[in-house]
């Protein structure tokens, strides 16, 4: 199975989520920015990409990923309007932070 990619500017969040998913047996990669994520995608295919909607360039990045085979999930904090906008503009599922690793896996 191709790995998950977590794209989030909050180091503590992305690393904690990556650890939780790895403990459940998933192959997980992390990226701190859209540019880092684009470099990772040029090297590996991913099953799922989780993107923080607050990252600079997140909306454009989701547009770039729209034609890919990976599942796209957008997450953010209390900014529900960003999640709603992403969900209407792109083929994505949304999660509002905070969430459990099991919530992500369930999607």
PDB file of N, CA and C in Angstrom:
ATOM      1  N   UNK A   1       0.850  -1.186   0.000  1.00  0.00           N
ATOM      2  CA  UNK A   1       0.000   0.000   0.000  1.00  0.00           C
ATOM      3  C   UNK A   1       0.888   1.239   0.000  1.00  0.00           C
ATOM      4  N   UNK A   2       0.533   2.211  -0.805  1.00  0.00           N
ATOM      5  CA  UNK A   2       1.268   3.473  -0.847  1.00  0.00           C
ATOM      6  C   UNK A   2       1.076   4.214   0.477  1.00  0.00           C
ATOM      7  N   UNK A   3       2.030   5.029   0.842  1.00  0.00           N
ATOM      8  CA  UNK A   3       1.950   5.721   2.140  1.00  0.00           C
ATOM      9  C   UNK A   3       0.952   6.876   2.155  1.00  0.00           C
ATOM     10  N   UNK A   4       0.650   7.306   3.373  1.00  0.00           N
ATOM     11  CA  UNK A   4      -0.123   8.529   3.606  1.00  0.00           C
ATOM     12  C   UNK A   4       0.857   9.692   3.593  1.00  0.00           C
ATOM     13  N   UNK A   5       0.376  10.859   3.198  1.00  0.00           N
ATOM     14  CA  UNK A   5       1.164  12.093   3.290  1.00  0.00           C
ATOM     15  C   UNK A   5       0.378  13.084   4.126  1.00  0.00           C
ATOM     16  N   UNK A   6       1.006  13.574   5.188  1.00  0.00           N
ATOM     17  CA  UNK A   6       0.400  14.583   6.051  1.00  0.00           C
ATOM     18  C   UNK A   6       1.102  15.902   5.765  1.00  0.00           C
ATOM     19  N   UNK A   7       0.338  16.899   5.299  1.00  0.00           N
ATOM     20  CA  UNK A   7       0.880  18.209   4.965  1.00  0.00           C
ATOM     21  C   UNK A   7       0.298  19.205   5.952  1.00  0.00           C
ATOM     22  N   UNK A   8       1.114  19.616   6.908  1.00  0.00           N
ATOM     23  CA  UNK A   8       0.620  20.496   7.973  1.00  0.00           C
ATOM     24  C   UNK A   8       1.792  21.301   8.514  1.00  0.00           C
ATOM     25  N   UNK A   9       1.564  22.582   8.723  1.00  0.00           N
ATOM     26  CA  UNK A   9       2.602  23.468   9.228  1.00  0.00           C
ATOM     27  C   UNK A   9       2.869  23.334  10.711  1.00  0.00           C
ATOM     28  N   UNK A  10       1.965  22.693  11.439  1.00  0.00           N
ATOM     29  CA  UNK A  10       2.126  22.508  12.883  1.00  0.00           C
ATOM     30  C   UNK A  10       2.922  21.230  13.129  1.00  0.00           C
ATOM     31  N   UNK A  11       4.190  21.393  13.467  1.00  0.00           N
ATOM     32  CA  UNK A  11       5.087  20.251  13.629  1.00  0.00           C
ATOM     33  C   UNK A  11       4.560  19.249  14.654  1.00  0.00           C
ATOM     34  N   UNK A  12       4.100  19.740  15.794  1.00  0.00           N
ATOM     35  CA  UNK A  12       3.605  18.839  16.833  1.00  0.00           C
ATOM     36  C   UNK A  12       2.419  18.018  16.340  1.00  0.00           C
ATOM     37  N   UNK A  13       1.501  18.660  15.640  1.00  0.00           N
ATOM     38  CA  UNK A  13       0.323  17.957  15.132  1.00  0.00           C
ATOM     39  C   UNK A  13       0.727  16.893  14.118  1.00  0.00           C
ATOM     40  N   UNK A  14       1.505  17.280  13.109  1.00  0.00           N
ATOM     41  CA  UNK A  14       1.818  16.323  12.042  1.00  0.00           C
ATOM     42  C   UNK A  14       2.656  15.156  12.555  1.00  0.00           C
ATOM     43  N   UNK A  15       3.586  15.425  13.464  1.00  0.00           N
ATOM     44  CA  UNK A  15       4.421  14.341  13.984  1.00  0.00           C
ATOM     45  C   UNK A  15       3.620  13.416  14.899  1.00  0.00           C
ATOM     46  N   UNK A  16       2.754  13.972  15.741  1.00  0.00           N
ATOM     47  CA  UNK A  16       1.936  13.139  16.624  1.00  0.00           C
ATOM     48  C   UNK A  16       0.988  12.259  15.814  1.00  0.00           C
ATOM     49  N   UNK A  17       0.365  12.833  14.793  1.00  0.00           N
ATOM     50  CA  UNK A  17      -0.538  12.062  13.944  1.00  0.00           C
ATOM     51  C   UNK A  17       0.238  10.979  13.190  1.00  0.00           C
ATOM     52  N   UNK A  18       1.405  11.327  12.691  1.00  0.00           N
ATOM     53  CA  UNK A  18       2.228  10.349  11.975  1.00  0.00           C
ATOM     54  C   UNK A  18       2.610   9.192  12.894  1.00  0.00           C
ATOM     55  N   UNK A  19       2.997   9.485  14.119  1.00  0.00           N
ATOM     56  CA  UNK A  19       3.357   8.432  15.078  1.00  0.00           C
ATOM     57  C   UNK A  19       2.158   7.531  15.351  1.00  0.00           C
ATOM     58  N   UNK A  20       0.992   8.124  15.583  1.00  0.00           N
ATOM     59  CA  UNK A  20      -0.207   7.329  15.867  1.00  0.00           C
ATOM     60  C   UNK A  20      -0.538   6.409  14.685  1.00  0.00           C
ATOM     61  N   UNK A  21      -0.446   6.927  13.476  1.00  0.00           N
ATOM     62  CA  UNK A  21      -0.743   6.109  12.301  1.00  0.00           C
ATOM     63  C   UNK A  21       0.306   5.015  12.104  1.00  0.00           C
ATOM     64  N   UNK A  22       1.567   5.344  12.353  1.00  0.00           N
ATOM     65  CA  UNK A  22       2.626   4.329  12.237  1.00  0.00           C
ATOM     66  C   UNK A  22       2.426   3.212  13.248  1.00  0.00           C
ATOM     67  N   UNK A  23       2.004   3.560  14.453  1.00  0.00           N
ATOM     68  CA  UNK A  23       1.736   2.535  15.470  1.00  0.00           C
ATOM     69  C   UNK A  23       0.604   1.609  15.050  1.00  0.00           C
ATOM     70  N   UNK A  24      -0.287   2.108  14.197  1.00  0.00           N
ATOM     71  CA  UNK A  24      -1.373   1.293  13.655  1.00  0.00           C
ATOM     72  C   UNK A  24      -0.955   0.549  12.384  1.00  0.00           C
ATOM     73  N   UNK A  25       0.332   0.652  12.017  1.00  0.00           N
ATOM     74  CA  UNK A  25       0.855  -0.105  10.891  1.00  0.00           C
ATOM     75  C   UNK A  25       0.870   0.605   9.550  1.00  0.00           C
ATOM     76  N   UNK A  26       0.582   1.893   9.522  1.00  0.00           N
ATOM     77  CA  UNK A  26       0.561   2.631   8.262  1.00  0.00           C
ATOM     78  C   UNK A  26       1.931   3.223   7.940  1.00  0.00           C
ATOM     79  N   UNK A  27       2.221   3.310   6.664  1.00  0.00           N
ATOM     80  CA  UNK A  27       3.419   3.995   6.178  1.00  0.00           C
ATOM     81  C   UNK A  27       3.037   5.459   5.999  1.00  0.00           C
ATOM     82  N   UNK A  28       3.684   6.350   6.719  1.00  0.00           N
ATOM     83  CA  UNK A  28       3.301   7.762   6.733  1.00  0.00           C
ATOM     84  C   UNK A  28       4.510   8.633   6.452  1.00  0.00           C
ATOM     85  N   UNK A  29       4.313   9.634   5.610  1.00  0.00           N
ATOM     86  CA  UNK A  29       5.325  10.657   5.348  1.00  0.00           C
ATOM     87  C   UNK A  29       4.723  11.991   5.760  1.00  0.00           C
ATOM     88  N   UNK A  30       5.585  12.938   6.082  1.00  0.00           N
ATOM     89  CA  UNK A  30       5.105  14.255   6.502  1.00  0.00           C
ATOM     90  C   UNK A  30       5.768  15.342   5.670  1.00  0.00           C
ATOM     91  N   UNK A  31       5.053  16.457   5.549  1.00  0.00           N
ATOM     92  CA  UNK A  31       5.573  17.643   4.862  1.00  0.00           C
ATOM     93  C   UNK A  31       5.092  18.867   5.628  1.00  0.00           C
ATOM     94  N   UNK A  32       5.995  19.829   5.790  1.00  0.00           N
ATOM     95  CA  UNK A  32       5.670  21.044   6.543  1.00  0.00           C
ATOM     96  C   UNK A  32       5.048  22.128   5.673  1.00  0.00           C
ATOM     97  N   UNK A  33       5.110  21.959   4.363  1.00  0.00           N
ATOM     98  CA  UNK A  33       4.604  22.990   3.453  1.00  0.00           C
ATOM     99  C   UNK A  33       4.107  22.346   2.166  1.00  0.00           C
ATOM    100  N   UNK A  34       3.410  23.134   1.377  1.00  0.00           N
ATOM    101  CA  UNK A  34       2.943  22.658   0.074  1.00  0.00           C
ATOM    102  C   UNK A  34       4.140  22.336  -0.811  1.00  0.00           C
ATOM    103  N   UNK A  35       5.174  23.149  -0.765  1.00  0.00           N
ATOM    104  CA  UNK A  35       6.371  22.885  -1.587  1.00  0.00           C
ATOM    105  C   UNK A  35       7.013  21.553  -1.201  1.00  0.00           C
ATOM    106  N   UNK A  36       7.109  21.271   0.102  1.00  0.00           N
ATOM    107  CA  UNK A  36       7.648  19.986   0.553  1.00  0.00           C
ATOM    108  C   UNK A  36       6.762  18.834   0.070  1.00  0.00           C
ATOM    109  N   UNK A  37       5.466  19.035   0.114  1.00  0.00           N
ATOM    110  CA  UNK A  37       4.524  18.004  -0.330  1.00  0.00           C
ATOM    111  C   UNK A  37       4.663  17.748  -1.831  1.00  0.00           C
ATOM    112  N   UNK A  38       4.828  18.795  -2.604  1.00  0.00           N
ATOM    113  CA  UNK A  38       4.994  18.633  -4.049  1.00  0.00           C
ATOM    114  C   UNK A  38       6.261  17.843  -4.366  1.00  0.00           C
ATOM    115  N   UNK A  39       7.333  18.084  -3.608  1.00  0.00           N
ATOM    116  CA  UNK A  39       8.570  17.319  -3.803  1.00  0.00           C
ATOM    117  C   UNK A  39       8.340  15.846  -3.457  1.00  0.00           C
ATOM    118  N   UNK A  40       7.622  15.578  -2.371  1.00  0.00           N
ATOM    119  CA  UNK A  40       7.341  14.200  -1.966  1.00  0.00           C
ATOM    120  C   UNK A  40       6.498  13.488  -3.016  1.00  0.00           C
ATOM    121  N   UNK A  41       5.507  14.182  -3.564  1.00  0.00           N
ATOM    122  CA  UNK A  41       4.630  13.589  -4.576  1.00  0.00           C
ATOM    123  C   UNK A  41       5.362  13.301  -5.880  1.00  0.00           C
ATOM    124  N   UNK A  42       6.427  14.034  -6.145  1.00  0.00           N
ATOM    125  CA  UNK A  42       7.214  13.789  -7.357  1.00  0.00           C
ATOM    126  C   UNK A  42       8.014  12.490  -7.236  1.00  0.00           C
ATOM    127  N   UNK A  43       8.199  12.024  -5.991  1.00  0.00           N
ATOM    128  CA  UNK A  43       9.002  10.826  -5.741  1.00  0.00           C
ATOM    129  C   UNK A  43       8.138   9.590  -5.531  1.00  0.00           C
ATOM    130  N   UNK A  44       7.042   9.735  -4.784  1.00  0.00           N
ATOM    131  CA  UNK A  44       6.202   8.598  -4.397  1.00  0.00           C
ATOM    132  C   UNK A  44       4.732   8.838  -4.694  1.00  0.00           C
ATOM    133  N   UNK A  45       4.005   7.759  -5.020  1.00  0.00           N
ATOM    134  CA  UNK A  45       2.542   7.877  -5.060  1.00  0.00           C
ATOM    135  C   UNK A  45       2.009   7.724  -3.643  1.00  0.00           C
ATOM    136  N   UNK A  46       0.907   8.366  -3.333  1.00  0.00           N
ATOM    137  CA  UNK A  46       0.315   8.285  -2.008  1.00  0.00           C
ATOM    138  C   UNK A  46      -1.122   7.805  -2.108  1.00  0.00           C
ATOM    139  N   UNK A  47      -1.545   7.032  -1.106  1.00  0.00           N
ATOM    140  CA  UNK A  47      -2.918   6.574  -1.008  1.00  0.00           C
ATOM    141  C   UNK A  47      -3.819   7.711  -0.563  1.00  0.00           C
ATOM    142  N   UNK A  48      -3.302   8.505   0.391  1.00  0.00           N
ATOM    143  CA  UNK A  48      -4.086   9.583   0.982  1.00  0.00           C
ATOM    144  C   UNK A  48      -3.179  10.771   1.243  1.00  0.00           C
ATOM    145  N   UNK A  49      -3.711  11.954   1.003  1.00  0.00           N
ATOM    146  CA  UNK A  49      -2.996  13.188   1.322  1.00  0.00           C
ATOM    147  C   UNK A  49      -3.905  14.016   2.217  1.00  0.00           C
ATOM    148  N   UNK A  50      -3.410  14.328   3.410  1.00  0.00           N
ATOM    149  CA  UNK A  50      -4.126  15.191   4.343  1.00  0.00           C
ATOM    150  C   UNK A  50      -3.477  16.566   4.265  1.00  0.00           C
ATOM    151  N   UNK A  51      -4.259  17.592   3.992  1.00  0.00           N
ATOM    152  CA  UNK A  51      -3.740  18.947   3.806  1.00  0.00           C
ATOM    153  C   UNK A  51      -4.417  19.901   4.780  1.00  0.00           C
ATOM    154  N   UNK A  52      -3.622  20.684   5.487  1.00  0.00           N
ATOM    155  CA  UNK A  52      -4.163  21.733   6.352  1.00  0.00           C
ATOM    156  C   UNK A  52      -4.601  22.888   5.460  1.00  0.00           C
ATOM    157  N   UNK A  53      -5.857  23.231   5.515  1.00  0.00           N
ATOM    158  CA  UNK A  53      -6.385  24.277   4.629  1.00  0.00           C
ATOM    159  C   UNK A  53      -5.817  25.658   4.936  1.00  0.00           C
ATOM    160  N   UNK A  54      -5.163  25.818   6.072  1.00  0.00           N
ATOM    161  CA  UNK A  54      -4.576  27.111   6.411  1.00  0.00           C
ATOM    162  C   UNK A  54      -3.189  27.325   5.809  1.00  0.00           C
ATOM    163  N   UNK A  55      -2.607  26.299   5.228  1.00  0.00           N
ATOM    164  CA  UNK A  55      -1.282  26.443   4.635  1.00  0.00           C
ATOM    165  C   UNK A  55      -1.324  27.338   3.405  1.00  0.00           C
ATOM    166  N   UNK A  56      -0.278  28.107   3.233  1.00  0.00           N
ATOM    167  CA  UNK A  56      -0.152  28.935   2.030  1.00  0.00           C
ATOM    168  C   UNK A  56      -0.114  28.020   0.806  1.00  0.00           C
ATOM    169  N   UNK A  57      -0.989  28.276  -0.144  1.00  0.00           N
ATOM    170  CA  UNK A  57      -1.043  27.505  -1.378  1.00  0.00           C
ATOM    171  C   UNK A  57      -1.871  26.228  -1.293  1.00  0.00           C
ATOM    172  N   UNK A  58      -2.557  25.997  -0.168  1.00  0.00           N
ATOM    173  CA  UNK A  58      -3.315  24.754   0.011  1.00  0.00           C
ATOM    174  C   UNK A  58      -4.422  24.598  -1.032  1.00  0.00           C
ATOM    175  N   UNK A  59      -5.157  25.657  -1.315  1.00  0.00           N
ATOM    176  CA  UNK A  59      -6.263  25.566  -2.260  1.00  0.00           C
ATOM    177  C   UNK A  59      -5.758  25.202  -3.662  1.00  0.00           C
ATOM    178  N   UNK A  60      -4.696  25.840  -4.106  1.00  0.00           N
ATOM    179  CA  UNK A  60      -4.115  25.538  -5.418  1.00  0.00           C
ATOM    180  C   UNK A  60      -3.568  24.117  -5.449  1.00  0.00           C
ATOM    181  N   UNK A  61      -2.957  23.708  -4.349  1.00  0.00           N
ATOM    182  CA  UNK A  61      -2.400  22.361  -4.238  1.00  0.00           C
ATOM    183  C   UNK A  61      -3.506  21.314  -4.368  1.00  0.00           C
ATOM    184  N   UNK A  62      -4.637  21.539  -3.707  1.00  0.00           N
ATOM    185  CA  UNK A  62      -5.761  20.617  -3.824  1.00  0.00           C
ATOM    186  C   UNK A  62      -6.265  20.553  -5.262  1.00  0.00           C
ATOM    187  N   UNK A  63      -6.244  21.680  -5.926  1.00  0.00           N
ATOM    188  CA  UNK A  63      -6.626  21.692  -7.335  1.00  0.00           C
ATOM    189  C   UNK A  63      -5.692  20.849  -8.180  1.00  0.00           C
ATOM    190  N   UNK A  64      -4.397  20.904  -7.886  1.00  0.00           N
ATOM    191  CA  UNK A  64      -3.408  20.100  -8.606  1.00  0.00           C
ATOM    192  C   UNK A  64      -3.630  18.614  -8.364  1.00  0.00           C
ATOM    193  N   UNK A  65      -4.057  18.269  -7.151  1.00  0.00           N
ATOM    194  CA  UNK A  65      -4.256  16.870  -6.786  1.00  0.00           C
ATOM    195  C   UNK A  65      -5.602  16.313  -7.233  1.00  0.00           C
ATOM    196  N   UNK A  66      -6.482  17.163  -7.702  1.00  0.00           N
ATOM    197  CA  UNK A  66      -7.849  16.752  -8.008  1.00  0.00           C
ATOM    198  C   UNK A  66      -7.915  15.587  -8.992  1.00  0.00           C
ATOM    199  N   UNK A  67      -6.987  15.509  -9.915  1.00  0.00           N
ATOM    200  CA  UNK A  67      -7.020  14.446 -10.917  1.00  0.00           C
ATOM    201  C   UNK A  67      -6.267  13.197 -10.466  1.00  0.00           C
ATOM    202  N   UNK A  68      -5.649  13.239  -9.312  1.00  0.00           N
ATOM    203  CA  UNK A  68      -4.868  12.089  -8.842  1.00  0.00           C
ATOM    204  C   UNK A  68      -5.780  11.010  -8.274  1.00  0.00           C
ATOM    205  N   UNK A  69      -5.212   9.834  -8.102  1.00  0.00           N
ATOM    206  CA  UNK A  69      -5.989   8.707  -7.577  1.00  0.00           C
ATOM    207  C   UNK A  69      -6.022   8.687  -6.056  1.00  0.00           C
ATOM    208  N   UNK A  70      -5.240   9.522  -5.408  1.00  0.00           N
ATOM    209  CA  UNK A  70      -5.201   9.477  -3.943  1.00  0.00           C
ATOM    210  C   UNK A  70      -6.434  10.139  -3.347  1.00  0.00           C
ATOM    211  N   UNK A  71      -6.782   9.695  -2.142  1.00  0.00           N
ATOM    212  CA  UNK A  71      -7.880  10.313  -1.408  1.00  0.00           C
ATOM    213  C   UNK A  71      -7.376  11.627  -0.834  1.00  0.00           C
ATOM    214  N   UNK A  72      -8.192  12.652  -0.905  1.00  0.00           N
ATOM    215  CA  UNK A  72      -7.802  13.968  -0.404  1.00  0.00           C
ATOM    216  C   UNK A  72      -8.641  14.320   0.802  1.00  0.00           C
ATOM    217  N   UNK A  73      -7.951  14.714   1.857  1.00  0.00           N
ATOM    218  CA  UNK A  73      -8.636  15.118   3.080  1.00  0.00           C
ATOM    219  C   UNK A  73      -8.099  16.483   3.473  1.00  0.00           C
ATOM    220  N   UNK A  74      -8.998  17.384   3.801  1.00  0.00           N
ATOM    221  CA  UNK A  74      -8.617  18.718   4.242  1.00  0.00           C
ATOM    222  C   UNK A  74      -8.967  18.847   5.708  1.00  0.00           C
ATOM    223  N   UNK A  75      -8.039  19.381   6.475  1.00  0.00           N
ATOM    224  CA  UNK A  75      -8.268  19.574   7.907  1.00  0.00           C
ATOM    225  C   UNK A  75      -7.891  20.986   8.295  1.00  0.00           C
ATOM    226  N   UNK A  76      -8.573  21.495   9.290  1.00  0.00           N
ATOM    227  CA  UNK A  76      -8.218  22.791   9.857  1.00  0.00           C
ATOM    228  C   UNK A  76      -8.841  22.906  11.234  1.00  0.00           C
ATOM    229  N   UNK A  77      -8.492  23.963  11.902  1.00  0.00           N
ATOM    230  CA  UNK A  77      -9.023  24.206  13.237  1.00  0.00           C
ATOM    231  C   UNK A  77     -10.451  24.705  13.186  1.00  0.00           C
ATOM    232  N   UNK A  78     -10.755  25.768  13.904  1.00  0.00           N
ATOM    233  CA  UNK A  78     -12.141  26.226  14.023  1.00  0.00           C
ATOM    234  C   UNK A  78     -12.657  27.012  12.820  1.00  0.00           C
ATOM    235  N   UNK A  79     -11.983  26.930  11.702  1.00  0.00           N
ATOM    236  CA  UNK A  79     -12.358  27.710  10.519  1.00  0.00           C
ATOM    237  C   UNK A  79     -13.204  26.862   9.575  1.00  0.00           C
ATOM    238  N   UNK A  80     -14.392  26.555   9.992  1.00  0.00           N
ATOM    239  CA  UNK A  80     -15.283  25.662   9.249  1.00  0.00           C
ATOM    240  C   UNK A  80     -15.540  26.155   7.827  1.00  0.00           C
ATOM    241  N   UNK A  81     -15.560  27.471   7.633  1.00  0.00           N
ATOM    242  CA  UNK A  81     -15.830  27.995   6.288  1.00  0.00           C
ATOM    243  C   UNK A  81     -14.754  27.583   5.286  1.00  0.00           C
ATOM    244  N   UNK A  82     -13.506  27.421   5.759  1.00  0.00           N
ATOM    245  CA  UNK A  82     -12.439  26.964   4.861  1.00  0.00           C
ATOM    246  C   UNK A  82     -12.666  25.512   4.454  1.00  0.00           C
ATOM    247  N   UNK A  83     -13.108  24.713   5.385  1.00  0.00           N
ATOM    248  CA  UNK A  83     -13.409  23.314   5.070  1.00  0.00           C
ATOM    249  C   UNK A  83     -14.558  23.219   4.079  1.00  0.00           C
ATOM    250  N   UNK A  84     -15.594  23.990   4.315  1.00  0.00           N
ATOM    251  CA  UNK A  84     -16.754  23.964   3.433  1.00  0.00           C
ATOM    252  C   UNK A  84     -16.377  24.411   2.022  1.00  0.00           C
ATOM    253  N   UNK A  85     -15.551  25.455   1.934  1.00  0.00           N
ATOM    254  CA  UNK A  85     -15.130  25.943   0.619  1.00  0.00           C
ATOM    255  C   UNK A  85     -14.299  24.884  -0.099  1.00  0.00           C
ATOM    256  N   UNK A  86     -13.381  24.251   0.615  1.00  0.00           N
ATOM    257  CA  UNK A  86     -12.544  23.211   0.005  1.00  0.00           C
ATOM    258  C   UNK A  86     -13.398  22.045  -0.474  1.00  0.00           C
ATOM    259  N   UNK A  87     -14.384  21.682   0.315  1.00  0.00           N
ATOM    260  CA  UNK A  87     -15.243  20.549  -0.035  1.00  0.00           C
ATOM    261  C   UNK A  87     -16.065  20.822  -1.286  1.00  0.00           C
ATOM    262  N   UNK A  88     -16.441  22.059  -1.523  1.00  0.00           N
ATOM    263  CA  UNK A  88     -17.241  22.364  -2.706  1.00  0.00           C
ATOM    264  C   UNK A  88     -16.371  22.551  -3.943  1.00  0.00           C
ATOM    265  N   UNK A  89     -15.112  22.928  -3.764  1.00  0.00           N
ATOM    266  CA  UNK A  89     -14.249  23.207  -4.915  1.00  0.00           C
ATOM    267  C   UNK A  89     -13.426  22.014  -5.362  1.00  0.00           C
ATOM    268  N   UNK A  90     -13.238  21.049  -4.496  1.00  0.00           N
ATOM    269  CA  UNK A  90     -12.357  19.932  -4.817  1.00  0.00           C
ATOM    270  C   UNK A  90     -12.984  18.622  -4.369  1.00  0.00           C
ATOM    271  N   UNK A  91     -12.467  17.541  -4.897  1.00  0.00           N
ATOM    272  CA  UNK A  91     -12.901  16.193  -4.526  1.00  0.00           C
ATOM    273  C   UNK A  91     -12.221  15.818  -3.203  1.00  0.00           C
ATOM    274  N   UNK A  92     -12.775  16.327  -2.103  1.00  0.00           N
ATOM    275  CA  UNK A  92     -12.146  16.103  -0.803  1.00  0.00           C
ATOM    276  C   UNK A  92     -13.172  15.697   0.249  1.00  0.00           C
ATOM    277  N   UNK A  93     -12.657  15.137   1.313  1.00  0.00           N
ATOM    278  CA  UNK A  93     -13.426  14.915   2.534  1.00  0.00           C
ATOM    279  C   UNK A  93     -12.792  15.826   3.567  1.00  0.00           C
ATOM    280  N   UNK A  94     -13.546  16.210   4.556  1.00  0.00           N
ATOM    281  CA  UNK A  94     -13.028  17.167   5.525  1.00  0.00           C
ATOM    282  C   UNK A  94     -13.044  16.607   6.945  1.00  0.00           C
ATOM    283  N   UNK A  95     -12.087  17.085   7.735  1.00  0.00           N
ATOM    284  CA  UNK A  95     -11.999  16.780   9.157  1.00  0.00           C
ATOM    285  C   UNK A  95     -11.700  18.075   9.889  1.00  0.00           C
ATOM    286  N   UNK A  96     -12.399  18.307  10.956  1.00  0.00           N
ATOM    287  CA  UNK A  96     -12.136  19.496  11.759  1.00  0.00           C
ATOM    288  C   UNK A  96     -11.217  19.121  12.912  1.00  0.00           C
ATOM    289  N   UNK A  97     -10.138  19.892  13.071  1.00  0.00           N
ATOM    290  CA  UNK A  97      -9.206  19.645  14.176  1.00  0.00           C
ATOM    291  C   UNK A  97      -9.837  20.096  15.474  1.00  0.00           C
ATOM    292  N   UNK A  98      -9.568  19.443  16.556  1.00  0.00           N
ATOM    293  CA  UNK A  98      -8.742  18.236  16.681  1.00  0.00           C
ATOM    294  C   UNK A  98      -9.536  16.992  16.318  1.00  0.00           C
ATOM    295  N   UNK A  99      -8.841  15.975  15.841  1.00  0.00           N
ATOM    296  CA  UNK A  99      -9.457  14.689  15.548  1.00  0.00           C
ATOM    297  C   UNK A  99      -8.488  13.587  15.939  1.00  0.00           C
ATOM    298  N   UNK A 100      -8.998  12.377  16.048  1.00  0.00           N
ATOM    299  CA  UNK A 100      -8.192  11.218  16.401  1.00  0.00           C
ATOM    300  C   UNK A 100      -7.651  10.575  15.132  1.00  0.00           C
ATOM    301  N   UNK A 101      -6.550   9.867  15.240  1.00  0.00           N
ATOM    302  CA  UNK A 101      -5.995   9.138  14.104  1.00  0.00           C
ATOM    303  C   UNK A 101      -7.032   8.164  13.564  1.00  0.00           C
ATOM    304  N   UNK A 102      -7.831   7.576  14.441  1.00  0.00           N
ATOM    305  CA  UNK A 102      -8.874   6.632  14.003  1.00  0.00           C
ATOM    306  C   UNK A 102      -9.910   7.317  13.119  1.00  0.00           C
ATOM    307  N   UNK A 103     -10.176   8.607  13.366  1.00  0.00           N
ATOM    308  CA  UNK A 103     -11.110   9.354  12.514  1.00  0.00           C
ATOM    309  C   UNK A 103     -10.573   9.453  11.092  1.00  0.00           C
ATOM    310  N   UNK A 104      -9.279   9.683  10.982  1.00  0.00           N
ATOM    311  CA  UNK A 104      -8.639   9.771   9.678  1.00  0.00           C
ATOM    312  C   UNK A 104      -8.676   8.431   8.967  1.00  0.00           C
ATOM    313  N   UNK A 105      -8.328   7.381   9.675  1.00  0.00           N
ATOM    314  CA  UNK A 105      -8.327   6.040   9.101  1.00  0.00           C
ATOM    315  C   UNK A 105      -9.728   5.646   8.645  1.00  0.00           C
ATOM    316  N   UNK A 106     -10.740   6.049   9.390  1.00  0.00           N
ATOM    317  CA  UNK A 106     -12.114   5.711   9.039  1.00  0.00           C
ATOM    318  C   UNK A 106     -12.540   6.315   7.693  1.00  0.00           C
ATOM    319  N   UNK A 107     -11.952   7.433   7.333  1.00  0.00           N
ATOM    320  CA  UNK A 107     -12.291   8.044   6.047  1.00  0.00           C
ATOM    321  C   UNK A 107     -11.672   7.261   4.903  1.00  0.00           C
TER     322      UNK A 107
END
